[in-house]
Protein backbone atom coordinates (compact mmCIF):
# COMPACT_ATOMS: atom_id res chain seq x y z
CA MET A 1 28.40 1.81 -4.35
CA THR A 2 28.33 3.19 -0.81
CA GLU A 3 25.90 6.02 -0.19
CA ARG A 4 27.71 9.27 0.56
CA TYR A 5 27.52 10.36 4.20
CA SER A 6 26.44 6.89 5.31
CA GLU A 7 26.60 8.06 8.93
CA ILE A 8 23.34 9.89 8.29
CA ASP A 9 21.65 6.46 8.34
CA GLU A 10 22.49 6.26 12.04
CA VAL A 11 20.83 9.55 12.89
CA ILE A 12 17.79 8.71 10.76
CA ALA A 13 17.35 5.50 12.75
CA TYR A 14 17.76 7.56 15.92
CA ILE A 15 15.02 9.97 14.74
CA HIS A 16 12.62 7.11 13.99
CA GLN A 17 13.21 5.58 17.41
CA ARG A 18 12.58 8.88 19.21
CA ILE A 19 10.01 10.55 17.00
CA ASP A 20 7.67 10.90 20.01
CA GLU A 21 10.30 12.88 21.94
CA PRO A 22 11.41 16.51 21.52
CA LEU A 23 14.27 16.57 19.02
CA SER A 24 16.44 19.65 18.65
CA LEU A 25 19.00 20.35 15.96
CA SER A 26 21.82 20.42 18.51
CA GLN A 27 20.68 17.05 19.92
CA LEU A 28 20.70 15.44 16.48
CA ALA A 29 24.06 16.96 15.59
CA SER A 30 25.65 15.87 18.86
CA TYR A 31 24.52 12.29 18.22
CA LEU A 32 27.15 12.20 15.46
CA ALA A 33 29.50 14.56 17.32
CA TYR A 34 29.11 17.18 14.58
CA SER A 35 28.49 20.88 14.79
CA PRO A 36 24.89 21.88 13.96
CA TYR A 37 26.12 23.70 10.84
CA HIS A 38 28.12 20.76 9.47
CA PHE A 39 25.39 18.27 10.40
CA THR A 40 22.69 20.32 8.66
CA ARG A 41 24.82 20.67 5.54
CA ILE A 42 25.55 16.97 5.08
CA PHE A 43 22.04 15.89 6.14
CA LYS A 44 20.49 18.15 3.51
CA GLU A 45 23.00 17.02 0.89
CA ARG A 46 22.16 13.36 1.61
CA ILE A 47 18.38 13.57 2.19
CA GLY A 48 17.46 16.78 0.38
CA LEU A 49 15.68 18.21 3.43
CA SER A 50 16.90 19.96 6.55
CA PRO A 51 16.96 17.74 9.68
CA LEU A 52 14.06 19.46 11.42
CA TYR A 53 11.95 19.55 8.25
CA TYR A 54 12.50 15.80 7.95
CA VAL A 55 11.42 15.34 11.58
CA SER A 56 8.27 17.42 11.06
CA SER A 57 7.46 15.31 7.97
CA LEU A 58 7.65 12.09 9.96
CA ARG A 59 5.40 13.60 12.61
CA LEU A 60 2.80 14.57 10.02
CA GLN A 61 2.95 10.99 8.76
CA LYS A 62 2.22 9.87 12.31
CA ALA A 63 -0.70 12.32 12.47
CA LYS A 64 -2.18 10.71 9.34
CA ASP A 65 -1.94 7.32 11.02
CA LEU A 66 -3.58 8.56 14.22
CA LEU A 67 -6.41 10.19 12.29
CA LEU A 68 -7.35 6.86 10.71
CA HIS A 69 -6.61 4.49 13.58
CA THR A 70 -7.78 6.37 16.69
CA ASN A 71 -10.79 8.40 17.74
CA TRP A 72 -8.60 11.14 19.21
CA SER A 73 -9.67 14.68 18.49
CA VAL A 74 -7.77 16.68 15.89
CA ARG A 75 -6.53 18.94 18.67
CA ASP A 76 -5.16 15.98 20.67
CA ILE A 77 -3.42 14.59 17.60
CA GLY A 78 -1.83 17.96 16.98
CA LEU A 79 -0.59 18.02 20.56
CA GLU A 80 0.72 14.47 20.20
CA ILE A 81 3.01 15.50 17.35
CA GLY A 82 4.15 18.66 19.12
CA GLN A 83 1.78 21.29 17.67
CA GLN A 84 0.47 23.42 20.51
CA SER A 85 -1.93 25.37 18.28
CA LEU A 86 -4.86 23.65 16.57
CA GLY A 87 -4.81 26.32 13.88
CA THR A 88 -1.11 25.82 13.14
CA PHE A 89 -1.52 22.05 12.97
CA THR A 90 -4.53 22.30 10.65
CA THR A 91 -2.76 24.78 8.37
CA ARG A 92 0.44 22.76 8.09
CA PHE A 93 -1.40 19.47 7.61
CA THR A 94 -3.59 20.97 4.89
CA GLU A 95 -0.66 22.54 3.04
CA ARG A 96 1.41 19.37 3.01
CA VAL A 97 -1.24 16.63 2.74
CA GLY A 98 -3.66 18.50 0.49
CA MET A 99 -6.73 18.41 2.71
CA THR A 100 -7.71 19.23 6.28
CA PRO A 101 -7.19 16.66 9.04
CA THR A 102 -10.95 16.17 9.34
CA ASP A 103 -11.40 15.65 5.60
CA PHE A 104 -8.50 13.18 5.60
CA ARG A 105 -10.08 11.23 8.45
CA ASN A 106 -13.36 11.02 6.55
CA SER A 107 -11.88 10.11 3.18
CA THR A 108 -11.65 6.31 3.48
CA LEU A 109 -14.88 5.55 1.61
CA GLU A 110 -14.10 8.13 -1.07
CA ALA A 111 -10.61 6.67 -1.53
CA GLY A 112 -12.05 3.22 -2.14
CA SER A 113 -14.53 4.56 -4.67
CA GLN A 114 -11.84 6.46 -6.57
CA PHE A 115 -9.60 3.41 -6.68
CA ARG A 116 -12.40 1.30 -8.14
CA SER A 117 -12.99 3.98 -10.78
CA LEU A 118 -9.30 3.85 -11.73
CA HIS A 119 -9.47 0.06 -11.98
CA ASN A 120 -12.32 0.41 -14.45
CA LEU A 121 -10.13 2.69 -16.57
CA LYS A 122 -7.02 0.52 -16.52
CA ASP A 123 -7.74 -1.33 -19.76
CA LEU A 124 -7.81 1.98 -21.60
CA ARG A 125 -4.11 2.46 -20.80
CA SER A 126 -4.76 6.17 -20.89
CA THR A 127 -2.52 8.81 -19.40
CA LEU A 128 -3.22 12.49 -19.14
CA HIS A 129 -0.35 14.88 -19.61
CA SER A 130 -0.02 18.60 -19.23
CA THR A 131 -1.20 20.85 -22.04
CA MET A 132 1.49 21.64 -24.62
CA ASN A 133 2.68 25.23 -24.79
CA GLN A 134 5.87 27.20 -25.21
CA TYR A 135 7.51 25.88 -22.05
CA GLY A 136 9.74 22.86 -21.43
CA THR A 137 9.18 19.14 -21.71
CA ILE A 138 10.38 16.48 -19.27
CA LYS A 139 10.45 12.94 -20.61
CA GLY A 140 11.55 9.79 -18.89
CA ASN A 141 11.08 6.13 -18.14
CA VAL A 142 9.96 4.48 -14.91
CA GLN A 143 10.84 0.88 -14.08
CA SER A 144 10.60 -1.22 -10.91
CA THR A 145 12.89 -3.47 -8.90
CA ILE A 146 10.00 -5.88 -8.28
CA PRO A 147 6.85 -6.62 -10.33
CA PHE A 148 3.48 -5.20 -9.35
CA ASP A 149 0.02 -4.83 -10.84
CA GLY A 150 -1.49 -1.43 -10.28
CA VAL A 151 -1.00 2.25 -11.05
CA ILE A 152 1.90 4.67 -10.75
CA LEU A 153 1.38 8.21 -9.53
CA ILE A 154 4.19 10.45 -10.71
CA GLY A 155 4.71 14.17 -10.34
CA LEU A 156 7.04 17.13 -10.23
CA PHE A 157 7.33 18.81 -6.84
CA ALA A 158 8.94 22.02 -5.64
CA LYS A 159 10.77 20.22 -2.80
CA PRO A 160 12.48 16.81 -2.60
CA ILE A 161 9.50 15.37 -0.72
CA PRO A 162 6.05 14.38 -2.02
CA GLU A 163 3.93 16.91 -0.18
CA GLY A 164 1.33 19.40 -1.34
CA LEU A 165 -0.09 19.16 -4.84
CA PRO A 166 2.53 18.44 -7.50
CA ILE A 167 3.23 21.25 -9.94
CA HIS A 168 2.73 18.69 -12.70
CA GLY A 169 1.36 15.22 -12.15
CA THR A 170 -0.14 12.25 -13.93
CA LEU A 171 -0.99 8.59 -13.48
CA LEU A 172 0.39 5.63 -15.43
CA PHE A 173 -1.28 2.25 -15.80
CA SER A 174 1.99 0.50 -16.56
CA LEU A 175 5.74 0.88 -16.30
CA GLY A 176 7.41 2.70 -19.14
CA GLU A 177 7.62 6.18 -20.53
CA PHE A 178 6.12 9.35 -19.11
CA CYS A 179 6.06 12.93 -20.32
CA PHE A 180 5.30 16.32 -18.79
CA THR A 181 4.82 19.20 -21.19
CA GLY A 182 4.27 22.88 -20.57
CA VAL A 183 6.77 22.92 -17.70
CA GLN A 184 7.71 26.47 -16.82
CA PRO A 185 11.37 27.32 -16.16
CA GLY A 186 12.30 26.40 -12.64
CA THR A 187 13.68 23.68 -10.38
CA TYR A 188 11.70 20.49 -9.79
CA TYR A 189 11.98 17.13 -8.05
CA LEU A 190 10.50 14.03 -9.62
CA MET A 191 8.58 11.75 -7.24
CA ALA A 192 6.59 8.59 -7.92
CA THR A 193 4.88 5.79 -6.04
CA SER A 194 2.91 2.71 -7.00
CA VAL A 195 -0.46 1.53 -5.75
CA SER A 196 -1.30 -2.14 -6.28
CA TRP A 197 -4.85 -3.15 -7.19
CA GLY A 198 -5.13 -5.35 -4.13
CA MET A 199 -4.54 -2.51 -1.68
CA LYS A 200 -7.18 -1.41 0.81
CA ALA A 201 -8.28 2.21 1.12
CA THR A 202 -6.35 2.70 4.37
CA ASP A 203 -3.17 1.41 2.70
CA ILE A 204 -3.59 4.05 0.01
CA LEU A 205 -4.22 6.78 2.56
CA LEU A 206 -1.15 5.67 4.55
CA PRO A 207 1.33 4.71 1.80
CA GLN A 208 4.17 3.60 4.03
CA THR A 209 4.92 0.33 2.20
CA THR A 210 4.31 1.32 -1.42
CA LEU A 211 7.09 1.19 -3.99
CA ARG A 212 8.56 4.62 -4.60
CA THR A 213 11.28 6.61 -6.31
CA ARG A 214 12.57 10.16 -6.33
CA SER A 215 15.16 12.20 -8.11
CA ARG A 216 18.08 12.89 -5.80
CA GLU A 217 19.20 15.79 -7.93
CA PRO A 218 16.89 18.65 -8.95
CA ILE A 219 15.61 18.85 -12.51
CA VAL A 220 16.33 22.32 -13.86
CA VAL A 221 14.17 23.62 -16.70
CA GLN A 222 15.56 26.60 -18.57
CA PRO A 223 14.12 28.50 -21.53
CA TYR A 224 15.06 26.99 -24.89
CA ALA A 225 17.20 24.28 -23.25
CA ALA A 226 16.66 20.53 -23.43
CA VAL A 227 16.08 18.62 -20.19
CA PRO A 228 17.99 15.34 -19.74
CA TYR A 229 15.93 12.15 -20.13
CA GLN A 230 14.92 10.88 -16.70
CA GLU A 231 15.45 7.21 -15.78
CA VAL A 232 13.89 6.28 -12.43
CA THR A 233 13.26 2.94 -10.71
CA LEU A 234 10.58 2.17 -8.14
CA HIS A 235 11.96 0.40 -5.08
CA VAL A 236 10.78 -0.80 -1.69
CA PRO A 237 10.80 1.93 0.99
CA ARG A 238 14.17 2.80 2.43
CA LEU A 239 14.92 4.32 5.79
CA ASP A 240 16.15 7.55 4.21
CA ASP A 241 13.08 8.02 1.97
CA PRO A 242 10.95 11.00 3.02
CA PRO A 243 7.36 10.13 3.92
CA ILE A 244 4.67 10.47 1.27
CA LEU A 245 2.54 13.21 2.81
CA ILE A 246 0.32 14.20 -0.12
CA SER A 247 -3.03 12.37 -0.10
CA LEU A 248 -2.87 9.82 -2.93
CA PRO A 249 -6.69 9.66 -3.25
CA LEU A 250 -6.64 13.41 -3.86
CA LEU A 251 -4.23 12.88 -6.75
CA MET A 252 -6.40 10.04 -8.07
CA ASN A 253 -9.47 12.25 -7.93
CA ASN A 254 -7.64 15.01 -9.82
CA PHE A 255 -6.65 12.51 -12.51
CA LEU A 256 -10.20 11.15 -12.80
CA THR A 257 -11.60 14.68 -13.02
CA ARG A 258 -9.19 15.68 -15.80
CA THR A 259 -9.84 12.43 -17.66
CA PHE A 260 -13.59 13.04 -17.52
CA GLU A 261 -13.21 16.64 -18.67
CA HIS A 262 -10.95 15.52 -21.52
CA SER A 263 -13.46 12.84 -22.63
CA ILE A 264 -16.38 15.26 -22.97
CA ARG A 265 -14.51 17.85 -25.03
């Protein structure tokens, strides 16, 4: 089945090729000979994000790469991705990645340690779900287009992009069913990615090749109403997938912390 608005693939490729250049909404719209209004509407319908928000997400992904692979200052990296203010860059990075640029740069050793701790837990096949209360429940099943041996990080986000801490999140040690309980009424987007046991810490911090999936349509939770069962499939990265901005080691650490707290109760 052909993806709706397939012409958006062309402009996404154009964005990737020119991510280091200034990109305005009118420039992107004119590439397809559309008005800015029409272009924004169909881009958001296809990708889930506005064109310029998508561009800023790719630039933050580039900032993560530069933090780990260069010795540039945080200020210079901010300038490289078009942020003139160090404060603005630090604030936006922290909100969308989950930690400051400096903490992210220094998190390689910690990421490796957390991943080893998860590997030690894998035989327990334990998952930690949200605490049950009077709110909604979201159940589903996650499968994969290709086999892998590792963990799956899955969460509910406020936007159709994995950035910032998920509103609800957990970790699975195998494909299969998942469940979030205590979900307050609202609109959510389901996002998941896999991390194979053979990955290095930098691969986890820069998850550009990990399997992933996301719900194209929002999941609406209403009081006293059942939520449809969610069937999602992990796949290799696609050009139109938004970058994974949230720090995966941060999510791993949150899972390990909750698991430890649960075990000593």
